[in-house]
Amino acid sequence: MEKKRPERGRWFALAVLAACLVRPLSAAPAIEPVKGPVLLTVSGALNQKNDGESASFDLALLEMLPRTTFSTKTPWYSTPRKFTGVLFRDLLEAIGSQATSVRAIALNDYRVDIPVDELVKNGAMIAWLLDDQPMPVREKGPLVIMFPFSERAELRTAVHYSRAVWQLRKLELR
């Protein structure tokens, strides 16, 4: 008895359809070029770039990312303050990064290395609004890495406070 073999054309069509439906895990929408002053430069292990080998963000590009808000007490302010920005996990998704470590660098060249899983697991954000207002440099802005310290007692440590980088200007992903 002779076996029937499916037509090559049908298999080819199925293969093409499958290829169109499957999106690589690292694919993320393209990042638009900056139009205003650059507030944050992200370099290293990322797939989406808009500025040579890095991703640069002005305020308009940051505001296009999903926003989150929380109020928290910190050692730097006498009362709880409201922070608004993008969760670190959403920024990583936007730039297509699978990094495991980040070096955060401030305007005054303060640097700290932070495990990415700590930022993601603990709900850290990059905030640009403090009490619904843009943060000037004298108020620790224009960007700050902030953790929800009031919600999670385990974050109220010297290590986590040192990772709440104010006057953030650059992230190097590894």
Protein backbone atom coordinates (compact mmCIF):
# COMPACT_ATOMS: atom_id res chain seq x y z
CA MET A 1 0.00 0.00 0.00
CA GLU A 2 1.34 3.41 -0.97
CA LYS A 3 1.57 6.18 1.66
CA LYS A 4 0.11 9.50 0.73
CA ARG A 5 2.48 12.42 1.30
CA PRO A 6 1.10 15.92 1.84
CA GLU A 7 1.89 18.42 -0.83
CA ARG A 8 5.05 20.42 -0.37
CA GLY A 9 3.13 23.64 -1.00
CA ARG A 10 0.85 23.06 1.97
CA TRP A 11 3.80 22.46 4.33
CA PHE A 12 5.56 25.53 3.02
CA ALA A 13 2.45 27.66 3.57
CA LEU A 14 2.11 26.34 7.15
CA ALA A 15 5.78 27.08 7.84
CA VAL A 16 5.44 30.65 6.56
CA LEU A 17 2.28 31.19 8.61
CA ALA A 18 3.97 29.85 11.75
CA ALA A 19 6.98 32.13 11.18
CA CYS A 20 4.68 35.14 10.90
CA LEU A 21 2.84 34.30 14.11
CA VAL A 22 5.89 33.63 16.27
CA ARG A 23 7.52 36.79 17.64
CA PRO A 24 11.02 36.55 19.10
CA LEU A 25 11.13 37.03 22.88
CA SER A 26 13.55 39.92 22.53
CA ALA A 27 11.34 41.86 20.14
CA ALA A 28 9.96 45.10 21.49
CA PRO A 29 8.41 48.07 19.72
CA ALA A 30 10.98 50.50 18.35
CA ILE A 31 11.89 53.49 20.50
CA GLU A 32 11.33 56.84 18.85
CA PRO A 33 14.20 59.34 18.63
CA VAL A 34 14.42 61.97 21.36
CA LYS A 35 13.17 65.45 20.56
CA GLY A 36 13.88 67.19 23.87
CA PRO A 37 16.72 67.24 26.37
CA VAL A 38 17.95 63.73 27.24
CA LEU A 39 17.11 62.81 30.84
CA LEU A 40 18.21 59.17 30.81
CA THR A 41 20.68 57.18 28.73
CA VAL A 42 20.51 53.36 28.84
CA SER A 43 23.39 51.35 27.41
CA GLY A 44 24.68 47.80 27.40
CA ALA A 45 22.45 44.71 27.15
CA LEU A 46 19.44 46.06 25.27
CA ASN A 47 17.88 45.33 21.89
CA GLN A 48 15.99 48.56 21.20
CA LYS A 49 18.20 51.59 20.61
CA ASN A 50 17.50 55.08 19.33
CA ASP A 51 20.88 56.75 19.81
CA GLY A 52 23.75 54.75 18.34
CA GLU A 53 24.47 51.93 20.79
CA SER A 54 22.13 53.18 23.51
CA ALA A 55 18.56 54.19 24.23
CA SER A 56 18.06 57.82 25.16
CA PHE A 57 14.90 59.12 26.84
CA ASP A 58 13.58 62.63 27.06
CA LEU A 59 10.53 63.43 29.19
CA ALA A 60 8.10 62.78 26.32
CA LEU A 61 9.50 59.28 25.72
CA LEU A 62 9.41 58.44 29.43
CA GLU A 63 5.80 59.59 29.60
CA MET A 64 4.91 57.18 26.76
CA LEU A 65 5.81 54.22 29.01
CA PRO A 66 3.29 52.70 31.43
CA ARG A 67 3.06 54.89 34.53
CA THR A 68 2.85 53.92 38.15
CA THR A 69 2.47 55.94 41.33
CA PHE A 70 3.06 55.23 44.98
CA SER A 71 3.59 57.22 48.15
CA THR A 72 6.42 56.29 50.46
CA LYS A 73 8.42 57.60 53.36
CA THR A 74 12.17 57.93 52.81
CA PRO A 75 15.12 59.00 54.96
CA TRP A 76 15.42 62.15 52.79
CA TYR A 77 11.97 63.60 53.37
CA SER A 78 10.23 64.17 56.71
CA THR A 79 6.80 63.04 55.42
CA PRO A 80 5.65 60.43 52.87
CA ARG A 81 5.95 61.69 49.29
CA LYS A 82 4.16 60.66 46.12
CA PHE A 83 6.40 59.40 43.30
CA THR A 84 5.28 58.84 39.71
CA GLY A 85 7.28 57.13 36.99
CA VAL A 86 7.86 53.87 35.15
CA LEU A 87 8.43 50.53 36.85
CA PHE A 88 11.87 49.20 36.10
CA ARG A 89 10.35 46.03 34.62
CA ASP A 90 8.36 48.12 32.10
CA LEU A 91 11.48 50.05 31.08
CA LEU A 92 13.33 46.74 30.52
CA GLU A 93 10.46 45.50 28.37
CA ALA A 94 10.45 48.70 26.31
CA ILE A 95 14.15 48.39 25.51
CA GLY A 96 14.09 44.62 25.05
CA SER A 97 16.58 43.81 27.79
CA GLN A 98 17.24 40.57 29.63
CA ALA A 99 19.99 42.16 31.76
CA THR A 100 20.79 40.69 35.16
CA SER A 101 22.65 43.69 36.60
CA VAL A 102 22.52 47.45 36.20
CA ARG A 103 24.95 50.17 37.14
CA ALA A 104 23.04 53.34 38.00
CA ILE A 105 24.99 56.57 37.60
CA ALA A 106 23.94 59.96 39.00
CA LEU A 107 24.74 63.50 37.85
CA ASN A 108 27.43 63.78 40.56
CA ASP A 109 28.96 60.48 39.29
CA TYR A 110 27.64 58.43 42.24
CA ARG A 111 27.50 54.82 41.01
CA VAL A 112 25.90 51.70 42.38
CA ASP A 113 25.46 48.22 40.94
CA ILE A 114 22.02 46.70 41.45
CA PRO A 115 20.75 43.21 40.59
CA VAL A 116 17.88 43.62 38.11
CA ASP A 117 15.80 40.96 39.86
CA GLU A 118 15.90 43.10 43.04
CA LEU A 119 14.54 46.10 41.15
CA VAL A 120 11.82 44.10 39.45
CA LYS A 121 10.83 41.97 42.47
CA ASN A 122 10.64 44.98 44.77
CA GLY A 123 8.62 47.21 42.44
CA ALA A 124 11.31 49.86 41.95
CA MET A 125 10.51 52.70 39.59
CA ILE A 126 12.32 55.46 37.80
CA ALA A 127 10.34 58.50 38.92
CA TRP A 128 10.22 61.93 37.34
CA LEU A 129 7.33 63.40 39.33
CA LEU A 130 7.39 64.18 43.03
CA ASP A 131 3.98 65.05 44.46
CA ASP A 132 2.73 65.45 40.85
CA GLN A 133 5.45 67.99 39.97
CA PRO A 134 8.63 67.56 37.91
CA MET A 135 11.67 67.14 40.14
CA PRO A 136 14.31 69.84 39.74
CA VAL A 137 17.94 68.89 40.37
CA ARG A 138 17.87 70.59 43.80
CA GLU A 139 14.97 68.24 44.73
CA LYS A 140 16.90 65.09 43.75
CA GLY A 141 15.68 65.16 40.13
CA PRO A 142 15.13 65.08 37.34
CA LEU A 143 15.01 61.29 37.84
CA VAL A 144 15.24 59.05 40.87
CA ILE A 145 15.18 55.29 41.39
CA MET A 146 12.58 54.79 44.10
CA PHE A 147 11.41 51.76 46.06
CA PRO A 148 8.08 51.44 47.92
CA PHE A 149 9.79 51.62 51.33
CA SER A 150 6.57 52.22 53.28
CA GLU A 151 4.87 49.13 51.85
CA ARG A 152 7.75 46.73 52.49
CA ALA A 153 9.72 46.79 55.73
CA GLU A 154 12.42 44.53 54.25
CA LEU A 155 13.42 47.39 51.92
CA ARG A 156 14.23 49.77 54.78
CA THR A 157 17.92 48.91 54.84
CA ALA A 158 21.13 50.80 54.10
CA VAL A 159 21.61 48.62 50.99
CA HIS A 160 18.24 49.54 49.49
CA TYR A 161 18.56 53.19 50.46
CA SER A 162 21.92 53.26 48.62
CA ARG A 163 20.14 51.88 45.53
CA ALA A 164 17.56 54.68 45.53
CA VAL A 165 19.69 56.81 43.24
CA TRP A 166 18.61 60.41 42.91
CA GLN A 167 19.69 62.71 40.08
CA LEU A 168 19.86 59.58 37.92
CA ARG A 169 21.35 60.17 34.45
CA LYS A 170 22.50 56.79 33.13
CA LEU A 171 21.88 53.06 33.38
CA GLU A 172 24.46 50.53 32.17
CA LEU A 173 22.81 47.12 31.69
CA ARG A 174 24.77 43.89 31.89
